[in-house]
Amino acid sequence: MIATLIVSGLAAGSLYALIGIAIAIVLRVTDVPNFAQGEMAMVSTFVAYELLHSYDLPWWSAILLSMVFAVAQGLVVQAVIIRPLIGAPVLSAVIATLGINIVLHSVAGIIWGHETHIFDSPLGDAPPVFIGGVPIPLDSAANIAAAVLVIIAFTLFLNRTWAGMALRATSQNHTVAKLMGVSVSRSFAFAWGLGGLAGGLAGVLIAPAVFLDTNMMGALLIKGFAGGVLGGLSSLTGVFLGGLALGVAENLVGAYVSGSFSDALTFAVIIAVLVLRPEGVFGVVRARKV
């Protein structure tokens, strides 16, 4: 039983990791915690649903186009709302993301309604695979694989490409990055686009499990933050491992302690890590000049 709980916890934690990565990459580059990340992912998932049901596109084509939309949405939000706030107090951008959250939630409700929708997955009816005698549903395996691929792809992008190195330079010091010829505004746009991609992927992966509605990403956003805080928002690998650890811990606590306490564990983790190790288990302390 414990092996099954761990596997399902890893599957849930991989979704926390994806939304945490989306939050972390924007936060690292722009110093703005994007509280609209969940609703942006929700809208991208509804776009996939619309392509599937109104235009009868194949599942993979609809998902691919919705990911293109997710990236474009991040770019537009950054260019229209966040970019004009560069240089303003960070609180202004935070309030703006909270406003975006409310606007997107309301607009999605007007377009698609507030009832739940069934978002089918081609893996939903597939038989599980057995590894070491443990049954692993294919959709759970897909969640874990997607999170692993995203963290590998993002890490390679940040370390092996000029655009990635520009993002890293911008995340360390905006002024020095400018002196080195890096376009800070372009780096901001890249970060929001990548964040939109990771968040949109989390949305289409979680929708088959929890049904699709305008509220589906609320809890996932909080748990993505919690996993990121646990692992360290300054490290994408830390965010990934923190999300997985949180998913497993929630499952084990729910099974052996109390199901009602598993959600409270999220906030307990945030509080404990902020008090004991604010940079997270795998995070790096960022020196700031004062």
Protein backbone atom coordinates (compact mmCIF):
# COMPACT_ATOMS: atom_id res chain seq x y z
CA MET A 1 0.00 0.00 0.00
CA ILE A 2 2.75 2.43 0.90
CA ALA A 3 4.35 1.99 -2.53
CA THR A 4 1.04 2.85 -4.21
CA LEU A 5 0.70 5.92 -1.99
CA ILE A 6 4.21 7.06 -2.90
CA VAL A 7 3.57 6.64 -6.63
CA SER A 8 0.29 8.58 -6.51
CA GLY A 9 2.02 11.19 -4.35
CA LEU A 10 4.78 11.56 -6.95
CA ALA A 11 2.14 11.98 -9.66
CA ALA A 12 0.41 14.74 -7.68
CA GLY A 13 3.74 16.26 -6.69
CA SER A 14 4.82 16.44 -10.32
CA LEU A 15 1.87 18.76 -10.98
CA TYR A 16 2.83 20.87 -7.96
CA ALA A 17 6.36 20.95 -9.39
CA LEU A 18 5.18 22.15 -12.81
CA ILE A 19 3.19 25.06 -11.40
CA GLY A 20 6.04 25.77 -8.96
CA ILE A 21 8.52 25.91 -11.85
CA ALA A 22 6.22 28.33 -13.67
CA ILE A 23 6.15 30.56 -10.60
CA ALA A 24 9.87 30.24 -9.89
CA ILE A 25 11.15 31.13 -13.34
CA VAL A 26 9.12 34.36 -13.40
CA LEU A 27 10.07 35.18 -9.81
CA ARG A 28 13.78 34.57 -10.37
CA VAL A 29 14.02 36.85 -13.40
CA THR A 30 11.52 39.60 -12.54
CA ASP A 31 11.28 39.41 -8.70
CA VAL A 32 7.48 39.26 -9.15
CA PRO A 33 5.48 36.39 -7.63
CA ASN A 34 2.83 35.69 -10.26
CA PHE A 35 -0.42 35.08 -8.38
CA ALA A 36 -2.25 34.86 -11.72
CA GLN A 37 -0.32 31.76 -12.78
CA GLY A 38 -3.13 29.40 -11.82
CA GLU A 39 -5.83 31.28 -13.72
CA MET A 40 -3.58 31.65 -16.75
CA ALA A 41 -3.16 27.87 -16.75
CA MET A 42 -6.90 27.41 -16.34
CA VAL A 43 -7.65 29.60 -19.37
CA SER A 44 -5.07 27.70 -21.45
CA THR A 45 -6.75 24.42 -20.47
CA PHE A 46 -10.15 25.77 -21.50
CA VAL A 47 -8.63 26.71 -24.86
CA ALA A 48 -7.53 23.08 -25.27
CA TYR A 49 -11.06 21.96 -24.30
CA GLU A 50 -12.56 24.32 -26.87
CA LEU A 51 -10.27 23.03 -29.61
CA LEU A 52 -11.18 19.45 -28.73
CA HIS A 53 -14.95 19.85 -28.51
CA SER A 54 -15.82 22.74 -30.81
CA TYR A 55 -13.27 22.17 -33.57
CA ASP A 56 -12.83 18.36 -33.24
CA LEU A 57 -9.06 18.57 -33.35
CA PRO A 58 -7.02 15.49 -32.41
CA TRP A 59 -6.03 15.46 -28.74
CA TRP A 60 -2.33 16.04 -29.31
CA SER A 61 -2.95 18.84 -31.81
CA ALA A 62 -5.30 20.59 -29.38
CA ILE A 63 -2.76 20.29 -26.55
CA LEU A 64 0.07 21.61 -28.73
CA LEU A 65 -1.97 24.62 -29.86
CA SER A 66 -3.07 25.33 -26.29
CA MET A 67 0.60 25.36 -25.24
CA VAL A 68 1.29 27.91 -27.99
CA PHE A 69 -1.60 29.93 -26.56
CA ALA A 70 -0.18 29.57 -23.03
CA VAL A 71 3.17 31.01 -24.15
CA ALA A 72 1.47 33.82 -26.08
CA GLN A 73 -0.73 34.61 -23.09
CA GLY A 74 2.32 34.98 -20.86
CA LEU A 75 4.00 37.25 -23.40
CA VAL A 76 0.91 39.46 -23.76
CA VAL A 77 0.38 39.77 -20.00
CA GLN A 78 4.02 40.73 -19.55
CA ALA A 79 4.03 43.25 -22.40
CA VAL A 80 0.69 44.93 -21.65
CA ILE A 81 0.50 44.86 -17.85
CA ILE A 82 3.82 43.94 -16.22
CA ARG A 83 6.30 45.72 -18.49
CA PRO A 84 4.91 49.21 -17.80
CA LEU A 85 5.46 48.50 -14.09
CA ILE A 86 9.21 47.89 -14.45
CA GLY A 87 10.91 50.24 -12.01
CA ALA A 88 7.80 50.62 -9.87
CA PRO A 89 7.63 49.02 -6.40
CA VAL A 90 7.28 45.23 -6.59
CA LEU A 91 4.02 45.53 -4.67
CA SER A 92 2.48 47.25 -7.70
CA ALA A 93 3.23 44.24 -9.90
CA VAL A 94 1.99 41.85 -7.21
CA ILE A 95 -1.32 43.70 -7.01
CA ALA A 96 -1.47 43.63 -10.83
CA THR A 97 -1.11 39.82 -10.86
CA LEU A 98 -3.88 39.54 -8.28
CA GLY A 99 -6.04 41.71 -10.53
CA ILE A 100 -5.21 39.53 -13.54
CA ASN A 101 -6.23 36.51 -11.48
CA ILE A 102 -9.69 37.95 -10.81
CA VAL A 103 -10.20 39.20 -14.37
CA LEU A 104 -9.24 35.88 -15.97
CA HIS A 105 -11.46 33.96 -13.56
CA SER A 106 -14.43 36.19 -14.39
CA VAL A 107 -13.82 36.15 -18.15
CA ALA A 108 -13.50 32.36 -18.16
CA GLY A 109 -16.77 32.11 -16.25
CA ILE A 110 -18.52 34.33 -18.81
CA ILE A 111 -17.20 32.35 -21.78
CA TRP A 112 -17.34 28.77 -20.49
CA GLY A 113 -19.58 29.01 -17.44
CA HIS A 114 -18.82 27.90 -13.89
CA GLU A 115 -20.04 24.31 -14.19
CA THR A 116 -17.61 21.43 -14.42
CA HIS A 117 -16.56 19.92 -17.76
CA ILE A 118 -15.08 16.53 -18.54
CA PHE A 119 -11.59 16.83 -20.01
CA ASP A 120 -10.74 13.45 -21.52
CA SER A 121 -7.25 12.01 -21.61
CA PRO A 122 -6.15 9.34 -24.09
CA LEU A 123 -4.42 7.57 -21.19
CA GLY A 124 -7.41 7.58 -18.85
CA ASP A 125 -8.74 4.13 -19.84
CA ALA A 126 -5.38 2.50 -20.46
CA PRO A 127 -4.43 -0.39 -18.16
CA PRO A 128 -1.76 0.36 -15.56
CA VAL A 129 1.80 -0.79 -15.90
CA PHE A 130 3.40 -2.82 -13.13
CA ILE A 131 6.86 -1.99 -11.85
CA GLY A 132 8.08 -4.20 -9.02
CA GLY A 133 4.55 -5.41 -8.50
CA VAL A 134 3.25 -1.85 -8.01
CA PRO A 135 0.45 -0.80 -10.39
CA ILE A 136 1.17 2.61 -11.92
CA PRO A 137 -1.65 4.29 -13.91
CA LEU A 138 -0.40 5.56 -17.24
CA ASP A 139 -1.76 9.07 -16.58
CA SER A 140 0.24 9.19 -13.32
CA ALA A 141 3.34 8.03 -15.18
CA ALA A 142 2.68 10.72 -17.81
CA ASN A 143 2.48 13.41 -15.11
CA ILE A 144 5.81 12.36 -13.64
CA ALA A 145 7.45 12.07 -17.06
CA ALA A 146 6.17 15.50 -18.12
CA ALA A 147 7.59 17.14 -15.00
CA VAL A 148 10.95 15.40 -15.49
CA LEU A 149 11.11 16.46 -19.15
CA VAL A 150 10.23 20.06 -18.28
CA ILE A 151 12.91 20.36 -15.60
CA ILE A 152 15.52 18.80 -17.93
CA ALA A 153 14.50 21.01 -20.87
CA PHE A 154 14.41 24.19 -18.80
CA THR A 155 17.76 23.40 -17.18
CA LEU A 156 19.39 22.75 -20.55
CA PHE A 157 17.80 25.92 -21.94
CA LEU A 158 19.10 28.05 -19.07
CA ASN A 159 22.61 26.56 -19.14
CA ARG A 160 23.25 25.87 -22.83
CA THR A 161 21.59 28.68 -24.81
CA TRP A 162 22.34 32.40 -25.13
CA ALA A 163 18.75 33.25 -24.25
CA GLY A 164 18.97 31.06 -21.15
CA MET A 165 22.23 32.64 -20.04
CA ALA A 166 20.64 36.05 -20.55
CA LEU A 167 17.81 34.97 -18.25
CA ARG A 168 20.30 33.81 -15.63
CA ALA A 169 22.24 37.07 -15.87
CA THR A 170 19.05 39.08 -15.51
CA SER A 171 17.98 37.02 -12.50
CA GLN A 172 21.26 37.77 -10.73
CA ASN A 173 21.52 41.51 -11.36
CA HIS A 174 19.43 43.63 -13.74
CA THR A 175 21.93 46.48 -13.90
CA VAL A 176 24.96 44.29 -14.63
CA ALA A 177 22.94 42.36 -17.21
CA LYS A 178 22.19 45.63 -19.04
CA LEU A 179 25.87 46.57 -19.00
CA MET A 180 26.66 43.20 -20.57
CA GLY A 181 24.28 43.97 -23.43
CA VAL A 182 21.39 41.82 -22.22
CA SER A 183 17.91 43.12 -22.96
CA VAL A 184 16.19 42.96 -19.58
CA SER A 185 12.73 43.55 -21.05
CA ARG A 186 13.27 40.68 -23.49
CA SER A 187 14.41 38.43 -20.64
CA PHE A 188 11.26 39.35 -18.73
CA ALA A 189 9.18 38.34 -21.75
CA PHE A 190 11.05 35.03 -22.07
CA ALA A 191 10.43 34.28 -18.39
CA TRP A 192 6.70 34.97 -18.64
CA GLY A 193 6.45 32.87 -21.81
CA LEU A 194 8.21 29.92 -20.20
CA GLY A 195 6.11 30.32 -17.07
CA GLY A 196 2.98 30.26 -19.20
CA LEU A 197 4.17 27.06 -20.89
CA ALA A 198 4.88 25.20 -17.64
CA GLY A 199 1.62 26.38 -16.08
CA GLY A 200 -0.42 25.47 -19.16
CA LEU A 201 1.06 21.98 -19.17
CA ALA A 202 0.12 21.56 -15.51
CA GLY A 203 -3.44 22.61 -16.35
CA VAL A 204 -4.00 20.08 -19.15
CA LEU A 205 -2.48 17.31 -17.02
CA ILE A 206 -4.59 17.96 -13.93
CA ALA A 207 -7.90 18.60 -15.73
CA PRO A 208 -8.64 14.91 -16.50
CA ALA A 209 -8.25 14.06 -12.81
CA VAL A 210 -10.20 16.87 -11.13
CA PHE A 211 -12.57 17.90 -13.95
CA LEU A 212 -12.29 21.23 -15.71
CA ASP A 213 -13.83 24.33 -14.15
CA THR A 214 -12.86 27.88 -13.33
CA ASN A 215 -11.74 26.95 -9.78
CA MET A 216 -9.58 23.96 -10.60
CA MET A 217 -6.19 25.70 -10.26
CA GLY A 218 -6.74 27.51 -6.95
CA ALA A 219 -5.46 24.74 -4.69
CA LEU A 220 -2.75 23.74 -7.15
CA LEU A 221 -1.35 27.29 -7.18
CA ILE A 222 -1.00 27.28 -3.39
CA LYS A 223 0.62 23.85 -3.40
CA GLY A 224 2.93 24.91 -6.21
CA PHE A 225 4.06 27.83 -4.04
CA ALA A 226 4.46 25.47 -1.06
CA GLY A 227 6.55 22.99 -3.03
CA GLY A 228 8.66 25.85 -4.37
CA VAL A 229 9.20 27.30 -0.91
CA LEU A 230 10.11 23.85 0.42
CA GLY A 231 12.69 23.14 -2.28
CA GLY A 232 13.84 26.73 -2.78
CA LEU A 233 12.41 29.10 -5.35
CA SER A 234 15.91 30.11 -6.42
CA SER A 235 16.54 26.60 -7.81
CA LEU A 236 14.37 24.94 -10.46
CA THR A 237 15.69 21.54 -9.37
CA GLY A 238 14.81 22.45 -5.79
CA VAL A 239 11.29 23.43 -6.85
CA PHE A 240 10.92 20.11 -8.67
CA LEU A 241 12.08 18.05 -5.70
CA GLY A 242 10.06 20.16 -3.27
CA GLY A 243 6.88 19.57 -5.28
CA LEU A 244 7.47 15.82 -5.35
CA ALA A 245 8.22 15.73 -1.62
CA LEU A 246 5.07 17.68 -0.82
CA GLY A 247 2.90 15.35 -2.94
CA VAL A 248 4.28 12.23 -1.25
CA ALA A 249 4.00 13.78 2.22
CA GLU A 250 0.37 14.76 1.62
CA ASN A 251 -0.54 11.24 0.54
CA LEU A 252 1.18 9.58 3.49
CA VAL A 253 -0.25 12.01 6.02
CA GLY A 254 -3.72 11.63 4.52
CA ALA A 255 -3.54 7.85 4.71
CA TYR A 256 -1.86 7.36 8.09
CA VAL A 257 -2.77 10.48 10.07
CA SER A 258 -5.87 12.26 8.81
CA GLY A 259 -7.26 13.09 5.39
CA SER A 260 -8.44 16.47 6.66
CA PHE A 261 -4.90 17.36 7.74
CA SER A 262 -3.29 16.73 4.35
CA ASP A 263 -4.36 20.16 3.03
CA ALA A 264 -3.27 21.85 6.24
CA LEU A 265 0.14 20.29 5.68
CA THR A 266 0.65 22.65 2.74
CA PHE A 267 0.46 25.73 4.94
CA ALA A 268 2.41 24.05 7.73
CA VAL A 269 5.24 23.42 5.25
CA ILE A 270 5.22 27.06 4.07
CA ILE A 271 5.32 28.42 7.63
CA ALA A 272 7.98 25.96 8.85
CA VAL A 273 10.33 26.51 5.92
CA LEU A 274 9.94 30.30 6.02
CA VAL A 275 10.84 30.27 9.73
CA LEU A 276 13.65 27.71 9.68
CA ARG A 277 15.16 28.03 6.21
CA PRO A 278 13.66 30.86 4.15
CA GLU A 279 15.76 30.03 1.07
CA GLY A 280 14.37 26.47 0.99
CA VAL A 281 16.13 23.11 1.34
CA PHE A 282 17.96 23.38 -1.99
CA GLY A 283 17.80 27.14 -2.43
CA VAL A 284 20.71 29.53 -2.55
CA VAL A 285 20.84 32.73 -0.55
CA ARG A 286 20.93 35.68 -2.91
CA ALA A 287 23.20 38.45 -1.73
CA ARG A 288 21.75 41.93 -2.09
CA LYS A 289 23.55 45.23 -1.84
CA VAL A 290 21.97 47.76 0.46
